[in-house]
């Protein structure tokens, strides 16, 4: 996540085996989960790494986490970034437009 905190995680899927912290219109059981500042963790744990691969399949949270990694400089530690974009998790026309712009910017810049 973008900072150390507790988030409300919404379970979804047939067996509750998927979920998201992003607010959507979907219903589902919610439970609190501890979240960490991924940028701080990345910087602290990759200082001497020769190869850092990050795979983001975080159900809509990529629209929060990736800008945070970029702003903090933590993205500089990453050699390969693989992102599964979840635009369907973003609610609202303005938010979807911003999310699509972010996705396009990352895809165009980081190729």
Foldseek 3Di string as FASTA:
>chain_A
DQAWDKAKWFFDDPVSPDTARQDDPDHGDIDIDTDHRVLVVLCVPQVPPPAAEEEDPHQACCLVNVVSNVVVVSCVSHPYYHYDHHLVSFDDDVRSVSSVVVVVVCVVPVD
